[in-house]
Structures are given as structure tokens and as C-alpha cells.
PDB file of N, CA and C in Angstrom:
ATOM      1  N   UNK A   1      14.394 272.710 171.679  1.00  0.00           N
ATOM      2  CA  UNK A   1      15.002 271.389 171.835  1.00  0.00           C
ATOM      3  C   UNK A   1      16.500 271.533 172.140  1.00  0.00           C
ATOM      4  N   UNK A   2      16.966 270.796 173.113  1.00  0.00           N
ATOM      5  CA  UNK A   2      18.375 270.861 173.503  1.00  0.00           C
ATOM      6  C   UNK A   2      19.246 270.154 172.472  1.00  0.00           C
ATOM      7  N   UNK A   3      20.413 270.685 172.245  1.00  0.00           N
ATOM      8  CA  UNK A   3      21.322 270.022 171.308  1.00  0.00           C
ATOM      9  C   UNK A   3      21.945 268.802 171.980  1.00  0.00           C
ATOM     10  N   UNK A   4      22.360 267.862 171.175  1.00  0.00           N
ATOM     11  CA  UNK A   4      22.905 266.617 171.712  1.00  0.00           C
ATOM     12  C   UNK A   4      24.209 266.830 172.480  1.00  0.00           C
ATOM     13  N   UNK A   5      24.905 267.942 172.206  1.00  0.00           N
ATOM     14  CA  UNK A   5      26.164 268.201 172.907  1.00  0.00           C
ATOM     15  C   UNK A   5      25.933 268.514 174.387  1.00  0.00           C
ATOM     16  N   UNK A   6      24.715 268.859 174.754  1.00  0.00           N
ATOM     17  CA  UNK A   6      24.384 269.149 176.148  1.00  0.00           C
ATOM     18  C   UNK A   6      24.160 267.867 176.948  1.00  0.00           C
ATOM     19  N   UNK A   7      23.943 266.772 176.270  1.00  0.00           N
ATOM     20  CA  UNK A   7      23.694 265.505 176.954  1.00  0.00           C
ATOM     21  C   UNK A   7      24.956 265.002 177.630  1.00  0.00           C
ATOM     22  N   UNK A   8      24.767 264.446 178.811  1.00  0.00           N
ATOM     23  CA  UNK A   8      25.885 263.826 179.520  1.00  0.00           C
ATOM     24  C   UNK A   8      25.457 262.406 179.857  1.00  0.00           C
ATOM     25  N   UNK A   9      26.308 261.457 179.575  1.00  0.00           N
ATOM     26  CA  UNK A   9      26.023 260.046 179.830  1.00  0.00           C
ATOM     27  C   UNK A   9      26.816 259.658 181.066  1.00  0.00           C
ATOM     28  N   UNK A  10      26.109 259.447 182.181  1.00  0.00           N
ATOM     29  CA  UNK A  10      26.772 259.267 183.473  1.00  0.00           C
ATOM     30  C   UNK A  10      26.756 257.836 183.987  1.00  0.00           C
ATOM     31  N   UNK A  11      27.803 257.524 184.722  1.00  0.00           N
ATOM     32  CA  UNK A  11      27.893 256.256 185.444  1.00  0.00           C
ATOM     33  C   UNK A  11      28.265 256.610 186.891  1.00  0.00           C
ATOM     34  N   UNK A  12      27.619 255.927 187.822  1.00  0.00           N
ATOM     35  CA  UNK A  12      27.888 256.127 189.250  1.00  0.00           C
ATOM     36  C   UNK A  12      28.922 255.099 189.675  1.00  0.00           C
ATOM     37  N   UNK A  13      29.953 255.545 190.376  1.00  0.00           N
ATOM     38  CA  UNK A  13      31.035 254.672 190.830  1.00  0.00           C
ATOM     39  C   UNK A  13      31.109 254.764 192.353  1.00  0.00           C
ATOM     40  N   UNK A  14      31.122 253.602 193.019  1.00  0.00           N
ATOM     41  CA  UNK A  14      31.223 253.596 194.482  1.00  0.00           C
ATOM     42  C   UNK A  14      32.396 252.735 194.936  1.00  0.00           C
ATOM     43  N   UNK A  15      32.621 252.737 196.235  1.00  0.00           N
ATOM     44  CA  UNK A  15      33.716 251.981 196.875  1.00  0.00           C
ATOM     45  C   UNK A  15      35.093 252.440 196.391  1.00  0.00           C
ATOM     46  N   UNK A  16      35.239 253.733 196.176  1.00  0.00           N
ATOM     47  CA  UNK A  16      36.505 254.291 195.696  1.00  0.00           C
ATOM     48  C   UNK A  16      37.456 254.445 196.885  1.00  0.00           C
ATOM     49  N   UNK A  17      38.668 253.889 196.799  1.00  0.00           N
ATOM     50  CA  UNK A  17      39.632 254.053 197.890  1.00  0.00           C
ATOM     51  C   UNK A  17      39.931 255.532 198.123  1.00  0.00           C
ATOM     52  N   UNK A  18      40.153 255.912 199.370  1.00  0.00           N
ATOM     53  CA  UNK A  18      40.378 257.326 199.703  1.00  0.00           C
ATOM     54  C   UNK A  18      41.655 257.888 199.087  1.00  0.00           C
ATOM     55  N   UNK A  19      42.543 257.000 198.628  1.00  0.00           N
ATOM     56  CA  UNK A  19      43.810 257.437 198.028  1.00  0.00           C
ATOM     57  C   UNK A  19      43.642 257.862 196.567  1.00  0.00           C
ATOM     58  N   UNK A  20      42.486 257.611 195.986  1.00  0.00           N
ATOM     59  CA  UNK A  20      42.231 257.946 194.581  1.00  0.00           C
ATOM     60  C   UNK A  20      41.737 259.392 194.473  1.00  0.00           C
ATOM     61  N   UNK A  21      42.324 260.146 193.550  1.00  0.00           N
ATOM     62  CA  UNK A  21      41.920 261.539 193.327  1.00  0.00           C
ATOM     63  C   UNK A  21      41.038 261.637 192.082  1.00  0.00           C
ATOM     64  N   UNK A  22      40.396 262.769 191.935  1.00  0.00           N
ATOM     65  CA  UNK A  22      39.526 263.024 190.789  1.00  0.00           C
ATOM     66  C   UNK A  22      40.275 262.824 189.463  1.00  0.00           C
ATOM     67  N   UNK A  23      41.512 263.295 189.401  1.00  0.00           N
ATOM     68  CA  UNK A  23      42.281 263.152 188.157  1.00  0.00           C
ATOM     69  C   UNK A  23      42.563 261.676 187.841  1.00  0.00           C
ATOM     70  N   UNK A  24      42.740 260.861 188.891  1.00  0.00           N
ATOM     71  CA  UNK A  24      42.951 259.421 188.687  1.00  0.00           C
ATOM     72  C   UNK A  24      41.691 258.785 188.097  1.00  0.00           C
ATOM     73  N   UNK A  25      40.546 259.213 188.595  1.00  0.00           N
ATOM     74  CA  UNK A  25      39.268 258.688 188.096  1.00  0.00           C
ATOM     75  C   UNK A  25      39.083 259.064 186.629  1.00  0.00           C
ATOM     76  N   UNK A  26      39.363 260.319 186.306  1.00  0.00           N
ATOM     77  CA  UNK A  26      39.232 260.784 184.919  1.00  0.00           C
ATOM     78  C   UNK A  26      40.170 260.017 183.998  1.00  0.00           C
ATOM     79  N   UNK A  27      41.392 259.830 184.470  1.00  0.00           N
ATOM     80  CA  UNK A  27      42.408 259.128 183.678  1.00  0.00           C
ATOM     81  C   UNK A  27      41.979 257.678 183.426  1.00  0.00           C
ATOM     82  N   UNK A  28      41.552 256.991 184.489  1.00  0.00           N
ATOM     83  CA  UNK A  28      41.159 255.592 184.353  1.00  0.00           C
ATOM     84  C   UNK A  28      39.931 255.447 183.452  1.00  0.00           C
ATOM     85  N   UNK A  29      38.873 256.192 183.741  1.00  0.00           N
ATOM     86  CA  UNK A  29      37.641 256.047 182.973  1.00  0.00           C
ATOM     87  C   UNK A  29      37.743 256.676 181.584  1.00  0.00           C
ATOM     88  N   UNK A  30      38.769 257.496 181.365  1.00  0.00           N
ATOM     89  CA  UNK A  30      39.012 258.080 180.054  1.00  0.00           C
ATOM     90  C   UNK A  30      39.414 257.056 179.011  1.00  0.00           C
ATOM     91  N   UNK A  31      39.860 255.886 179.435  1.00  0.00           N
ATOM     92  CA  UNK A  31      40.235 254.851 178.470  1.00  0.00           C
ATOM     93  C   UNK A  31      39.009 254.293 177.739  1.00  0.00           C
ATOM     94  N   UNK A  32      37.813 254.547 178.272  1.00  0.00           N
ATOM     95  CA  UNK A  32      36.588 254.026 177.658  1.00  0.00           C
ATOM     96  C   UNK A  32      35.907 255.044 176.754  1.00  0.00           C
ATOM     97  N   UNK A  33      36.266 256.309 176.895  1.00  0.00           N
ATOM     98  CA  UNK A  33      35.673 257.379 176.090  1.00  0.00           C
ATOM     99  C   UNK A  33      36.031 258.723 176.703  1.00  0.00           C
ATOM    100  N   UNK A  34      35.670 259.792 176.010  1.00  0.00           N
ATOM    101  CA  UNK A  34      36.011 261.135 176.496  1.00  0.00           C
ATOM    102  C   UNK A  34      35.154 261.496 177.706  1.00  0.00           C
ATOM    103  N   UNK A  35      35.830 261.784 178.824  1.00  0.00           N
ATOM    104  CA  UNK A  35      35.149 262.143 180.069  1.00  0.00           C
ATOM    105  C   UNK A  35      34.868 263.639 180.060  1.00  0.00           C
ATOM    106  N   UNK A  36      33.589 263.976 180.207  1.00  0.00           N
ATOM    107  CA  UNK A  36      33.182 265.389 180.229  1.00  0.00           C
ATOM    108  C   UNK A  36      33.262 265.948 181.643  1.00  0.00           C
ATOM    109  N   UNK A  37      32.924 265.104 182.638  1.00  0.00           N
ATOM    110  CA  UNK A  37      32.999 265.571 184.021  1.00  0.00           C
ATOM    111  C   UNK A  37      33.239 264.406 184.972  1.00  0.00           C
ATOM    112  N   UNK A  38      33.801 264.753 186.115  1.00  0.00           N
ATOM    113  CA  UNK A  38      34.022 263.789 187.181  1.00  0.00           C
ATOM    114  C   UNK A  38      33.662 264.501 188.475  1.00  0.00           C
ATOM    115  N   UNK A  39      32.573 264.081 189.086  1.00  0.00           N
ATOM    116  CA  UNK A  39      32.119 264.706 190.323  1.00  0.00           C
ATOM    117  C   UNK A  39      32.436 263.766 191.482  1.00  0.00           C
ATOM    118  N   UNK A  40      33.441 264.137 192.276  1.00  0.00           N
ATOM    119  CA  UNK A  40      33.906 263.344 193.412  1.00  0.00           C
ATOM    120  C   UNK A  40      33.706 264.193 194.675  1.00  0.00           C
ATOM    121  N   UNK A  41      32.533 264.062 195.329  1.00  0.00           N
ATOM    122  CA  UNK A  41      32.239 264.925 196.481  1.00  0.00           C
ATOM    123  C   UNK A  41      33.135 264.656 197.685  1.00  0.00           C
ATOM    124  N   UNK A  42      33.507 265.742 198.362  1.00  0.00           N
ATOM    125  CA  UNK A  42      34.356 265.651 199.549  1.00  0.00           C
ATOM    126  C   UNK A  42      33.558 265.898 200.819  1.00  0.00           C
ATOM    127  N   UNK A  43      34.019 265.286 201.901  1.00  0.00           N
ATOM    128  CA  UNK A  43      33.439 265.487 203.223  1.00  0.00           C
ATOM    129  C   UNK A  43      34.193 266.651 203.867  1.00  0.00           C
ATOM    130  N   UNK A  44      33.491 267.719 204.187  1.00  0.00           N
ATOM    131  CA  UNK A  44      34.142 268.914 204.745  1.00  0.00           C
ATOM    132  C   UNK A  44      34.804 268.643 206.092  1.00  0.00           C
ATOM    133  N   UNK A  45      34.252 267.724 206.864  1.00  0.00           N
ATOM    134  CA  UNK A  45      34.804 267.433 208.193  1.00  0.00           C
ATOM    135  C   UNK A  45      36.105 266.643 208.127  1.00  0.00           C
ATOM    136  N   UNK A  46      36.146 265.617 207.278  1.00  0.00           N
ATOM    137  CA  UNK A  46      37.331 264.758 207.225  1.00  0.00           C
ATOM    138  C   UNK A  46      38.365 265.239 206.205  1.00  0.00           C
ATOM    139  N   UNK A  47      37.914 265.959 205.184  1.00  0.00           N
ATOM    140  CA  UNK A  47      38.827 266.388 204.129  1.00  0.00           C
ATOM    141  C   UNK A  47      39.030 265.318 203.063  1.00  0.00           C
ATOM    142  N   UNK A  48      38.455 264.149 203.272  1.00  0.00           N
ATOM    143  CA  UNK A  48      38.547 263.057 202.295  1.00  0.00           C
ATOM    144  C   UNK A  48      37.296 263.034 201.436  1.00  0.00           C
ATOM    145  N   UNK A  49      37.405 262.423 200.243  1.00  0.00           N
ATOM    146  CA  UNK A  49      36.200 262.285 199.436  1.00  0.00           C
ATOM    147  C   UNK A  49      35.299 261.218 200.060  1.00  0.00           C
ATOM    148  N   UNK A  50      34.064 261.185 199.630  1.00  0.00           N
ATOM    149  CA  UNK A  50      33.054 260.325 200.261  1.00  0.00           C
ATOM    150  C   UNK A  50      33.048 258.882 199.739  1.00  0.00           C
ATOM    151  N   UNK A  51      33.949 258.560 198.819  1.00  0.00           N
ATOM    152  CA  UNK A  51      34.053 257.175 198.350  1.00  0.00           C
ATOM    153  C   UNK A  51      33.170 256.843 197.167  1.00  0.00           C
ATOM    154  N   UNK A  52      32.557 257.866 196.566  1.00  0.00           N
ATOM    155  CA  UNK A  52      31.761 257.632 195.359  1.00  0.00           C
ATOM    156  C   UNK A  52      31.882 258.838 194.441  1.00  0.00           C
ATOM    157  N   UNK A  53      31.541 258.630 193.166  1.00  0.00           N
ATOM    158  CA  UNK A  53      31.563 259.741 192.219  1.00  0.00           C
ATOM    159  C   UNK A  53      30.685 259.435 191.019  1.00  0.00           C
ATOM    160  N   UNK A  54      30.478 260.454 190.229  1.00  0.00           N
ATOM    161  CA  UNK A  54      29.777 260.306 188.951  1.00  0.00           C
ATOM    162  C   UNK A  54      30.773 260.651 187.862  1.00  0.00           C
ATOM    163  N   UNK A  55      30.837 259.784 186.860  1.00  0.00           N
ATOM    164  CA  UNK A  55      31.668 260.030 185.682  1.00  0.00           C
ATOM    165  C   UNK A  55      30.704 260.336 184.542  1.00  0.00           C
ATOM    166  N   UNK A  56      30.899 261.477 183.902  1.00  0.00           N
ATOM    167  CA  UNK A  56      30.049 261.871 182.777  1.00  0.00           C
ATOM    168  C   UNK A  56      30.823 261.796 181.479  1.00  0.00           C
ATOM    169  N   UNK A  57      30.294 261.026 180.540  1.00  0.00           N
ATOM    170  CA  UNK A  57      30.919 260.893 179.219  1.00  0.00           C
ATOM    171  C   UNK A  57      30.255 261.827 178.213  1.00  0.00           C
ATOM    172  N   UNK A  58      31.010 262.202 177.196  1.00  0.00           N
ATOM    173  CA  UNK A  58      30.469 263.072 176.150  1.00  0.00           C
ATOM    174  C   UNK A  58      29.605 262.280 175.168  1.00  0.00           C
ATOM    175  N   UNK A  59      29.757 260.960 175.149  1.00  0.00           N
ATOM    176  CA  UNK A  59      28.971 260.140 174.216  1.00  0.00           C
ATOM    177  C   UNK A  59      28.433 258.894 174.902  1.00  0.00           C
ATOM    178  N   UNK A  60      27.389 258.375 174.341  1.00  0.00           N
ATOM    179  CA  UNK A  60      26.805 257.141 174.856  1.00  0.00           C
ATOM    180  C   UNK A  60      27.790 255.980 174.701  1.00  0.00           C
ATOM    181  N   UNK A  61      28.627 256.057 173.680  1.00  0.00           N
ATOM    182  CA  UNK A  61      29.620 255.015 173.419  1.00  0.00           C
ATOM    183  C   UNK A  61      30.589 254.859 174.596  1.00  0.00           C
ATOM    184  N   UNK A  62      31.069 255.986 175.145  1.00  0.00           N
ATOM    185  CA  UNK A  62      31.981 255.943 176.287  1.00  0.00           C
ATOM    186  C   UNK A  62      31.336 255.266 177.477  1.00  0.00           C
ATOM    187  N   UNK A  63      30.086 255.638 177.752  1.00  0.00           N
ATOM    188  CA  UNK A  63      29.339 255.032 178.851  1.00  0.00           C
ATOM    189  C   UNK A  63      29.163 253.541 178.612  1.00  0.00           C
ATOM    190  N   UNK A  64      28.772 253.189 177.412  1.00  0.00           N
ATOM    191  CA  UNK A  64      28.560 251.781 177.058  1.00  0.00           C
ATOM    192  C   UNK A  64      29.853 250.973 177.238  1.00  0.00           C
ATOM    193  N   UNK A  65      30.968 251.534 176.772  1.00  0.00           N
ATOM    194  CA  UNK A  65      32.266 250.849 176.896  1.00  0.00           C
ATOM    195  C   UNK A  65      32.627 250.611 178.359  1.00  0.00           C
ATOM    196  N   UNK A  66      32.394 251.615 179.210  1.00  0.00           N
ATOM    197  CA  UNK A  66      32.712 251.490 180.636  1.00  0.00           C
ATOM    198  C   UNK A  66      31.846 250.419 181.294  1.00  0.00           C
ATOM    199  N   UNK A  67      30.579 250.345 180.884  1.00  0.00           N
ATOM    200  CA  UNK A  67      29.657 249.379 181.483  1.00  0.00           C
ATOM    201  C   UNK A  67      29.878 247.954 180.981  1.00  0.00           C
ATOM    202  N   UNK A  68      30.591 247.801 179.865  1.00  0.00           N
ATOM    203  CA  UNK A  68      30.869 246.463 179.318  1.00  0.00           C
ATOM    204  C   UNK A  68      31.860 245.687 180.184  1.00  0.00           C
ATOM    205  N   UNK A  69      32.715 246.404 180.889  1.00  0.00           N
ATOM    206  CA  UNK A  69      33.734 245.760 181.721  1.00  0.00           C
ATOM    207  C   UNK A  69      33.088 245.293 183.023  1.00  0.00           C
ATOM    208  N   UNK A  70      33.279 244.030 183.370  1.00  0.00           N
ATOM    209  CA  UNK A  70      32.647 243.456 184.569  1.00  0.00           C
ATOM    210  C   UNK A  70      33.107 244.124 185.852  1.00  0.00           C
ATOM    211  N   UNK A  71      34.412 244.262 186.005  1.00  0.00           N
ATOM    212  CA  UNK A  71      34.964 244.845 187.231  1.00  0.00           C
ATOM    213  C   UNK A  71      35.987 245.909 186.881  1.00  0.00           C
ATOM    214  N   UNK A  72      35.950 246.968 187.647  1.00  0.00           N
ATOM    215  CA  UNK A  72      36.948 248.023 187.495  1.00  0.00           C
ATOM    216  C   UNK A  72      37.817 247.996 188.750  1.00  0.00           C
ATOM    217  N   UNK A  73      39.140 247.882 188.541  1.00  0.00           N
ATOM    218  CA  UNK A  73      40.092 247.841 189.658  1.00  0.00           C
ATOM    219  C   UNK A  73      40.921 249.116 189.667  1.00  0.00           C
ATOM    220  N   UNK A  74      40.943 249.761 190.835  1.00  0.00           N
ATOM    221  CA  UNK A  74      41.775 250.947 191.040  1.00  0.00           C
ATOM    222  C   UNK A  74      42.558 250.755 192.326  1.00  0.00           C
ATOM    223  N   UNK A  75      43.873 250.781 192.206  1.00  0.00           N
ATOM    224  CA  UNK A  75      44.765 250.567 193.363  1.00  0.00           C
ATOM    225  C   UNK A  75      44.399 249.316 194.152  1.00  0.00           C
ATOM    226  N   UNK A  76      44.095 248.253 193.425  1.00  0.00           N
ATOM    227  CA  UNK A  76      43.798 246.959 194.057  1.00  0.00           C
ATOM    228  C   UNK A  76      42.396 246.806 194.594  1.00  0.00           C
ATOM    229  N   UNK A  77      41.576 247.843 194.463  1.00  0.00           N
ATOM    230  CA  UNK A  77      40.194 247.775 194.973  1.00  0.00           C
ATOM    231  C   UNK A  77      39.205 247.702 193.814  1.00  0.00           C
ATOM    232  N   UNK A  78      38.184 246.899 193.968  1.00  0.00           N
ATOM    233  CA  UNK A  78      37.125 246.809 192.978  1.00  0.00           C
ATOM    234  C   UNK A  78      36.130 247.929 193.234  1.00  0.00           C
ATOM    235  N   UNK A  79      35.921 248.753 192.216  1.00  0.00           N
ATOM    236  CA  UNK A  79      34.979 249.877 192.351  1.00  0.00           C
ATOM    237  C   UNK A  79      33.760 249.624 191.483  1.00  0.00           C
TER     238      UNK A  79
END
């Protein structure tokens, strides 16, 4: 049986402005709980990220807190 520390509680985020970096995502979503990972895939051709990411929380509480907020605004854009 896997230990509970191996669990990751993820939320998918889309419509991310190209000016936002992975560290910005971690910082913003970190206000809801401890972020274990932030996967922001990049397009090799353009050098920009693809406009979506997965935020992984260490606890279900962090995920729940993030999902309680109706809209998330980053640099004036709703994500």
C-alpha cells in the first residue's frame, strides 16, 4: 500500500498568459496550500509555454481551497 505522502492532489489550470512563469504559478497557488509540483509544458518551436499547467498540492486541503475560489486572476487574465 502506498503511503499518503505519495499522493498528489492536482488541479488543471488553462488560459495562462504567456508572460506568467512556473514560479509565478507556484507563488500564486501556494496561497491555498503547499504546492508539491507545477508542470507548465513548453512548446519547443515557439519557446513559450502552452498556456496550461497542472498544480499539485501536498494535501487535499490545498486543492479544496484553490477550488473554492470562483475565479483566479493572474496579470489581469482569468485562468
